[in-house]
Each structure stands twice: as structure tokens, then as C-alpha cells.
Amino acid sequence: MARLALIVKAQKKPKYSTRIVRRCWKCGRKHGYMRKFDMCRICVRELASNGEIPGLKKSSW
């Protein structure tokens, strides 16, 4: 979990557009972010394993 102060800071409009920080809406993580799902890779994997993301299935062999 990210600190609340960092999450709030990332929500503010940056001075320059290149400084935007995209964070996972579920846990607040900024690394491993997937724009398509608006989540980090860890949360995508959890939801895919539970079958909560339509059209996405976690592979296992």
C-alpha cells in the first residue's frame, strides 16, 4: 500500500504534463502499472485469478 500523502499528491494536477503519476486505483502502487486496466500488475493478477475481469483469464499449466 502506498502512503496516503503520495496518493493525494499524485491526484493533483502537475505543473507539467510529463510529471503525471499514474497509480493503481486499488492499492496505490505506481510501478508495474497497466493503463488498459488502470491497475498494477499484482491487482490485475489477483482479479484475473478470481475471474472478476471479463474476458481475461490467468493461464496456468
PDB file of N, CA and C in Angstrom:
ATOM      1  N   MET A   1       0.839  -1.187   0.000  1.00  0.00           N
ATOM      2  CA  MET A   1       0.000   0.000   0.000  1.00  0.00           C
ATOM      3  C   MET A   1       0.881   1.247   0.000  1.00  0.00           C
ATOM      4  N   ALA A   2       0.493   2.179  -0.833  1.00  0.00           N
ATOM      5  CA  ALA A   2       1.206   3.444  -0.893  1.00  0.00           C
ATOM      6  C   ALA A   2       0.723   4.352   0.240  1.00  0.00           C
ATOM      7  N   ARG A   3       1.591   5.275   0.639  1.00  0.00           N
ATOM      8  CA  ARG A   3       1.197   6.219   1.675  1.00  0.00           C
ATOM      9  C   ARG A   3       0.099   7.121   1.150  1.00  0.00           C
ATOM     10  N   LEU A   4      -0.814   7.494   2.022  1.00  0.00           N
ATOM     11  CA  LEU A   4      -1.942   8.328   1.639  1.00  0.00           C
ATOM     12  C   LEU A   4      -1.480   9.673   1.098  1.00  0.00           C
ATOM     13  N   ALA A   5      -0.416  10.233   1.663  1.00  0.00           N
ATOM     14  CA  ALA A   5       0.093  11.528   1.209  1.00  0.00           C
ATOM     15  C   ALA A   5       0.567  11.457  -0.244  1.00  0.00           C
ATOM     16  N   LEU A   6       1.202  10.345  -0.632  1.00  0.00           N
ATOM     17  CA  LEU A   6       1.671  10.201  -2.002  1.00  0.00           C
ATOM     18  C   LEU A   6       0.518  10.014  -2.979  1.00  0.00           C
ATOM     19  N   ILE A   7      -0.531   9.331  -2.544  1.00  0.00           N
ATOM     20  CA  ILE A   7      -1.696   9.134  -3.396  1.00  0.00           C
ATOM     21  C   ILE A   7      -2.389  10.466  -3.645  1.00  0.00           C
ATOM     22  N   VAL A   8      -2.542  11.274  -2.599  1.00  0.00           N
ATOM     23  CA  VAL A   8      -3.181  12.586  -2.728  1.00  0.00           C
ATOM     24  C   VAL A   8      -2.333  13.500  -3.608  1.00  0.00           C
ATOM     25  N   LYS A   9      -1.018  13.444  -3.436  1.00  0.00           N
ATOM     26  CA  LYS A   9      -0.117  14.271  -4.237  1.00  0.00           C
ATOM     27  C   LYS A   9      -0.201  13.905  -5.717  1.00  0.00           C
ATOM     28  N   ALA A  10      -0.351  12.628  -6.022  1.00  0.00           N
ATOM     29  CA  ALA A  10      -0.437  12.181  -7.413  1.00  0.00           C
ATOM     30  C   ALA A  10      -1.752  12.587  -8.061  1.00  0.00           C
ATOM     31  N   GLN A  11      -2.789  12.829  -7.273  1.00  0.00           N
ATOM     32  CA  GLN A  11      -4.091  13.209  -7.821  1.00  0.00           C
ATOM     33  C   GLN A  11      -4.140  14.672  -8.244  1.00  0.00           C
ATOM     34  N   LYS A  12      -3.225  15.494  -7.692  1.00  0.00           N
ATOM     35  CA  LYS A  12      -3.207  16.905  -8.057  1.00  0.00           C
ATOM     36  C   LYS A  12      -2.682  17.085  -9.482  1.00  0.00           C
ATOM     37  N   LYS A  13      -3.118  18.169 -10.136  1.00  0.00           N
ATOM     38  CA  LYS A  13      -2.660  18.450 -11.488  1.00  0.00           C
ATOM     39  C   LYS A  13      -1.200  18.905 -11.432  1.00  0.00           C
ATOM     40  N   PRO A  14      -0.314  18.233 -12.197  1.00  0.00           N
ATOM     41  CA  PRO A  14       1.102  18.607 -12.153  1.00  0.00           C
ATOM     42  C   PRO A  14       1.375  19.900 -12.914  1.00  0.00           C
ATOM     43  N   LYS A  15       2.518  20.501 -12.619  1.00  0.00           N
ATOM     44  CA  LYS A  15       2.925  21.733 -13.285  1.00  0.00           C
ATOM     45  C   LYS A  15       3.151  21.475 -14.777  1.00  0.00           C
ATOM     46  N   TYR A  16       3.743  20.340 -15.089  1.00  0.00           N
ATOM     47  CA  TYR A  16       3.984  19.942 -16.469  1.00  0.00           C
ATOM     48  C   TYR A  16       3.310  18.597 -16.718  1.00  0.00           C
ATOM     49  N   SER A  17       2.804  18.398 -17.932  1.00  0.00           N
ATOM     50  CA  SER A  17       2.046  17.184 -18.224  1.00  0.00           C
ATOM     51  C   SER A  17       2.901  15.914 -18.160  1.00  0.00           C
ATOM     52  N   THR A  18       4.200  16.040 -18.321  1.00  0.00           N
ATOM     53  CA  THR A  18       5.063  14.855 -18.279  1.00  0.00           C
ATOM     54  C   THR A  18       5.285  14.348 -16.860  1.00  0.00           C
ATOM     55  N   ARG A  19       4.902  15.127 -15.869  1.00  0.00           N
ATOM     56  CA  ARG A  19       5.096  14.726 -14.471  1.00  0.00           C
ATOM     57  C   ARG A  19       3.927  13.935 -13.902  1.00  0.00           C
ATOM     58  N   ILE A  20       2.956  13.603 -14.717  1.00  0.00           N
ATOM     59  CA  ILE A  20       1.790  12.877 -14.217  1.00  0.00           C
ATOM     60  C   ILE A  20       2.222  11.499 -13.691  1.00  0.00           C
ATOM     61  N   VAL A  21       1.678  11.126 -12.545  1.00  0.00           N
ATOM     62  CA  VAL A  21       1.995   9.833 -11.929  1.00  0.00           C
ATOM     63  C   VAL A  21       0.718   8.996 -11.949  1.00  0.00           C
ATOM     64  N   ARG A  22       0.780   7.899 -12.662  1.00  0.00           N
ATOM     65  CA  ARG A  22      -0.386   7.019 -12.724  1.00  0.00           C
ATOM     66  C   ARG A  22      -0.248   5.975 -11.634  1.00  0.00           C
ATOM     67  N   ARG A  23      -1.304   5.821 -10.850  1.00  0.00           N
ATOM     68  CA  ARG A  23      -1.290   4.885  -9.739  1.00  0.00           C
ATOM     69  C   ARG A  23      -2.467   3.929  -9.839  1.00  0.00           C
ATOM     70  N   CYS A  24      -2.283   2.770  -9.276  1.00  0.00           N
ATOM     71  CA  CYS A  24      -3.339   1.755  -9.218  1.00  0.00           C
ATOM     72  C   CYS A  24      -4.477   2.296  -8.356  1.00  0.00           C
ATOM     73  N   TRP A  25      -5.709   2.159  -8.837  1.00  0.00           N
ATOM     74  CA  TRP A  25      -6.852   2.675  -8.088  1.00  0.00           C
ATOM     75  C   TRP A  25      -7.154   1.810  -6.875  1.00  0.00           C
ATOM     76  N   LYS A  26      -6.659   0.583  -6.892  1.00  0.00           N
ATOM     77  CA  LYS A  26      -6.975  -0.337  -5.810  1.00  0.00           C
ATOM     78  C   LYS A  26      -5.989  -0.237  -4.646  1.00  0.00           C
ATOM     79  N   CYS A  27      -4.688  -0.223  -4.956  1.00  0.00           N
ATOM     80  CA  CYS A  27      -3.682  -0.233  -3.881  1.00  0.00           C
ATOM     81  C   CYS A  27      -2.786   0.992  -3.862  1.00  0.00           C
ATOM     82  N   GLY A  28      -2.753   1.775  -4.936  1.00  0.00           N
ATOM     83  CA  GLY A  28      -1.950   2.983  -4.977  1.00  0.00           C
ATOM     84  C   GLY A  28      -0.539   2.788  -5.491  1.00  0.00           C
ATOM     85  N   ARG A  29      -0.202   1.602  -5.945  1.00  0.00           N
ATOM     86  CA  ARG A  29       1.139   1.304  -6.442  1.00  0.00           C
ATOM     87  C   ARG A  29       1.397   2.042  -7.758  1.00  0.00           C
ATOM     88  N   LYS A  30       2.626   2.559  -7.955  1.00  0.00           N
ATOM     89  CA  LYS A  30       2.926   3.285  -9.184  1.00  0.00           C
ATOM     90  C   LYS A  30       3.781   2.492 -10.170  1.00  0.00           C
ATOM     91  N   HIS A  31       4.513   1.512  -9.700  1.00  0.00           N
ATOM     92  CA  HIS A  31       5.315   0.688 -10.606  1.00  0.00           C
ATOM     93  C   HIS A  31       4.505  -0.514 -11.068  1.00  0.00           C
ATOM     94  N   GLY A  32       4.763  -0.980 -12.276  1.00  0.00           N
ATOM     95  CA  GLY A  32       4.042  -2.120 -12.816  1.00  0.00           C
ATOM     96  C   GLY A  32       2.607  -1.768 -13.161  1.00  0.00           C
ATOM     97  N   TYR A  33       2.371  -0.510 -13.536  1.00  0.00           N
ATOM     98  CA  TYR A  33       1.019  -0.015 -13.821  1.00  0.00           C
ATOM     99  C   TYR A  33       0.616  -0.382 -15.240  1.00  0.00           C
ATOM    100  N   MET A  34      -0.596  -0.870 -15.410  1.00  0.00           N
ATOM    101  CA  MET A  34      -1.134  -1.204 -16.727  1.00  0.00           C
ATOM    102  C   MET A  34      -2.260  -0.239 -17.054  1.00  0.00           C
ATOM    103  N   ARG A  35      -2.047   0.588 -18.090  1.00  0.00           N
ATOM    104  CA  ARG A  35      -3.039   1.600 -18.442  1.00  0.00           C
ATOM    105  C   ARG A  35      -4.374   0.993 -18.869  1.00  0.00           C
ATOM    106  N   LYS A  36      -4.315  -0.129 -19.550  1.00  0.00           N
ATOM    107  CA  LYS A  36      -5.534  -0.757 -20.055  1.00  0.00           C
ATOM    108  C   LYS A  36      -6.511  -1.080 -18.928  1.00  0.00           C
ATOM    109  N   PHE A  37      -5.986  -1.496 -17.786  1.00  0.00           N
ATOM    110  CA  PHE A  37      -6.825  -1.879 -16.658  1.00  0.00           C
ATOM    111  C   PHE A  37      -6.868  -0.834 -15.552  1.00  0.00           C
ATOM    112  N   ASP A  38      -6.003   0.180 -15.625  1.00  0.00           N
ATOM    113  CA  ASP A  38      -5.906   1.228 -14.607  1.00  0.00           C
ATOM    114  C   ASP A  38      -5.526   0.631 -13.247  1.00  0.00           C
ATOM    115  N   MET A  39      -4.714  -0.445 -13.299  1.00  0.00           N
ATOM    116  CA  MET A  39      -4.285  -1.136 -12.088  1.00  0.00           C
ATOM    117  C   MET A  39      -2.841  -1.583 -12.229  1.00  0.00           C
ATOM    118  N   CYS A  40      -2.244  -1.955 -11.101  1.00  0.00           N
ATOM    119  CA  CYS A  40      -0.893  -2.516 -11.147  1.00  0.00           C
ATOM    120  C   CYS A  40      -0.989  -3.999 -11.522  1.00  0.00           C
ATOM    121  N   ARG A  41       0.155  -4.564 -11.851  1.00  0.00           N
ATOM    122  CA  ARG A  41       0.189  -5.953 -12.314  1.00  0.00           C
ATOM    123  C   ARG A  41      -0.266  -6.930 -11.242  1.00  0.00           C
ATOM    124  N   ILE A  42      -0.023  -6.603  -9.988  1.00  0.00           N
ATOM    125  CA  ILE A  42      -0.380  -7.505  -8.897  1.00  0.00           C
ATOM    126  C   ILE A  42      -1.898  -7.584  -8.744  1.00  0.00           C
ATOM    127  N   CYS A  43      -2.547  -6.424  -8.779  1.00  0.00           N
ATOM    128  CA  CYS A  43      -4.004  -6.395  -8.653  1.00  0.00           C
ATOM    129  C   CYS A  43      -4.681  -7.026  -9.866  1.00  0.00           C
ATOM    130  N   VAL A  44      -4.103  -6.827 -11.063  1.00  0.00           N
ATOM    131  CA  VAL A  44      -4.649  -7.458 -12.266  1.00  0.00           C
ATOM    132  C   VAL A  44      -4.582  -8.972 -12.124  1.00  0.00           C
ATOM    133  N   ARG A  45      -3.472  -9.460 -11.619  1.00  0.00           N
ATOM    134  CA  ARG A  45      -3.306 -10.910 -11.456  1.00  0.00           C
ATOM    135  C   ARG A  45      -4.303 -11.479 -10.449  1.00  0.00           C
ATOM    136  N   GLU A  46      -4.499 -10.763  -9.337  1.00  0.00           N
ATOM    137  CA  GLU A  46      -5.458 -11.230  -8.331  1.00  0.00           C
ATOM    138  C   GLU A  46      -6.877 -11.295  -8.891  1.00  0.00           C
ATOM    139  N   LEU A  47      -7.295 -10.216  -9.566  1.00  0.00           N
ATOM    140  CA  LEU A  47      -8.651 -10.177 -10.098  1.00  0.00           C
ATOM    141  C   LEU A  47      -8.837 -11.173 -11.243  1.00  0.00           C
ATOM    142  N   ALA A  48      -7.789 -11.375 -12.044  1.00  0.00           N
ATOM    143  CA  ALA A  48      -7.877 -12.349 -13.133  1.00  0.00           C
ATOM    144  C   ALA A  48      -7.995 -13.771 -12.584  1.00  0.00           C
ATOM    145  N   SER A  49      -7.289 -14.043 -11.505  1.00  0.00           N
ATOM    146  CA  SER A  49      -7.367 -15.378 -10.898  1.00  0.00           C
ATOM    147  C   SER A  49      -8.756 -15.658 -10.347  1.00  0.00           C
ATOM    148  N   ASN A  50      -9.399 -14.608  -9.826  1.00  0.00           N
ATOM    149  CA  ASN A  50     -10.752 -14.757  -9.281  1.00  0.00           C
ATOM    150  C   ASN A  50     -11.824 -14.689 -10.355  1.00  0.00           C
ATOM    151  N   GLY A  51     -11.428 -14.362 -11.592  1.00  0.00           N
ATOM    152  CA  GLY A  51     -12.388 -14.272 -12.688  1.00  0.00           C
ATOM    153  C   GLY A  51     -13.241 -13.020 -12.630  1.00  0.00           C
ATOM    154  N   GLU A  52     -12.733 -11.943 -12.035  1.00  0.00           N
ATOM    155  CA  GLU A  52     -13.513 -10.720 -11.874  1.00  0.00           C
ATOM    156  C   GLU A  52     -13.300  -9.723 -13.016  1.00  0.00           C
ATOM    157  N   ILE A  53     -12.345  -9.996 -13.909  1.00  0.00           N
ATOM    158  CA  ILE A  53     -12.136  -9.137 -15.076  1.00  0.00           C
ATOM    159  C   ILE A  53     -12.700  -9.878 -16.280  1.00  0.00           C
ATOM    160  N   PRO A  54     -13.755  -9.335 -16.906  1.00  0.00           N
ATOM    161  CA  PRO A  54     -14.362 -10.029 -18.038  1.00  0.00           C
ATOM    162  C   PRO A  54     -13.414 -10.127 -19.228  1.00  0.00           C
ATOM    163  N   GLY A  55     -13.337 -11.306 -19.818  1.00  0.00           N
ATOM    164  CA  GLY A  55     -12.509 -11.523 -20.997  1.00  0.00           C
ATOM    165  C   GLY A  55     -11.048 -11.784 -20.699  1.00  0.00           C
ATOM    166  N   LEU A  56     -10.675 -11.874 -19.440  1.00  0.00           N
ATOM    167  CA  LEU A  56      -9.274 -12.112 -19.075  1.00  0.00           C
ATOM    168  C   LEU A  56      -9.203 -13.351 -18.199  1.00  0.00           C
ATOM    169  N   LYS A  57      -8.315 -14.284 -18.583  1.00  0.00           N
ATOM    170  CA  LYS A  57      -8.163 -15.495 -17.815  1.00  0.00           C
ATOM    171  C   LYS A  57      -6.696 -15.701 -17.508  1.00  0.00           C
ATOM    172  N   LYS A  58      -6.359 -15.946 -16.264  1.00  0.00           N
ATOM    173  CA  LYS A  58      -4.969 -16.207 -15.887  1.00  0.00           C
ATOM    174  C   LYS A  58      -4.605 -17.617 -16.332  1.00  0.00           C
ATOM    175  N   SER A  59      -3.514 -17.693 -17.040  1.00  0.00           N
ATOM    176  CA  SER A  59      -3.094 -19.012 -17.533  1.00  0.00           C
ATOM    177  C   SER A  59      -2.365 -19.773 -16.434  1.00  0.00           C
ATOM    178  N   SER A  60      -2.525 -21.077 -16.451  1.00  0.00           N
ATOM    179  CA  SER A  60      -1.776 -21.943 -15.540  1.00  0.00           C
ATOM    180  C   SER A  60      -1.586 -23.276 -16.226  1.00  0.00           C
ATOM    181  N   TRP A  61      -0.401 -23.855 -16.084  1.00  0.00           N
ATOM    182  CA  TRP A  61      -0.119 -25.128 -16.707  1.00  0.00           C
ATOM    183  C   TRP A  61       0.770 -25.966 -15.850  1.00  0.00           C
TER     184      TRP A  61
END
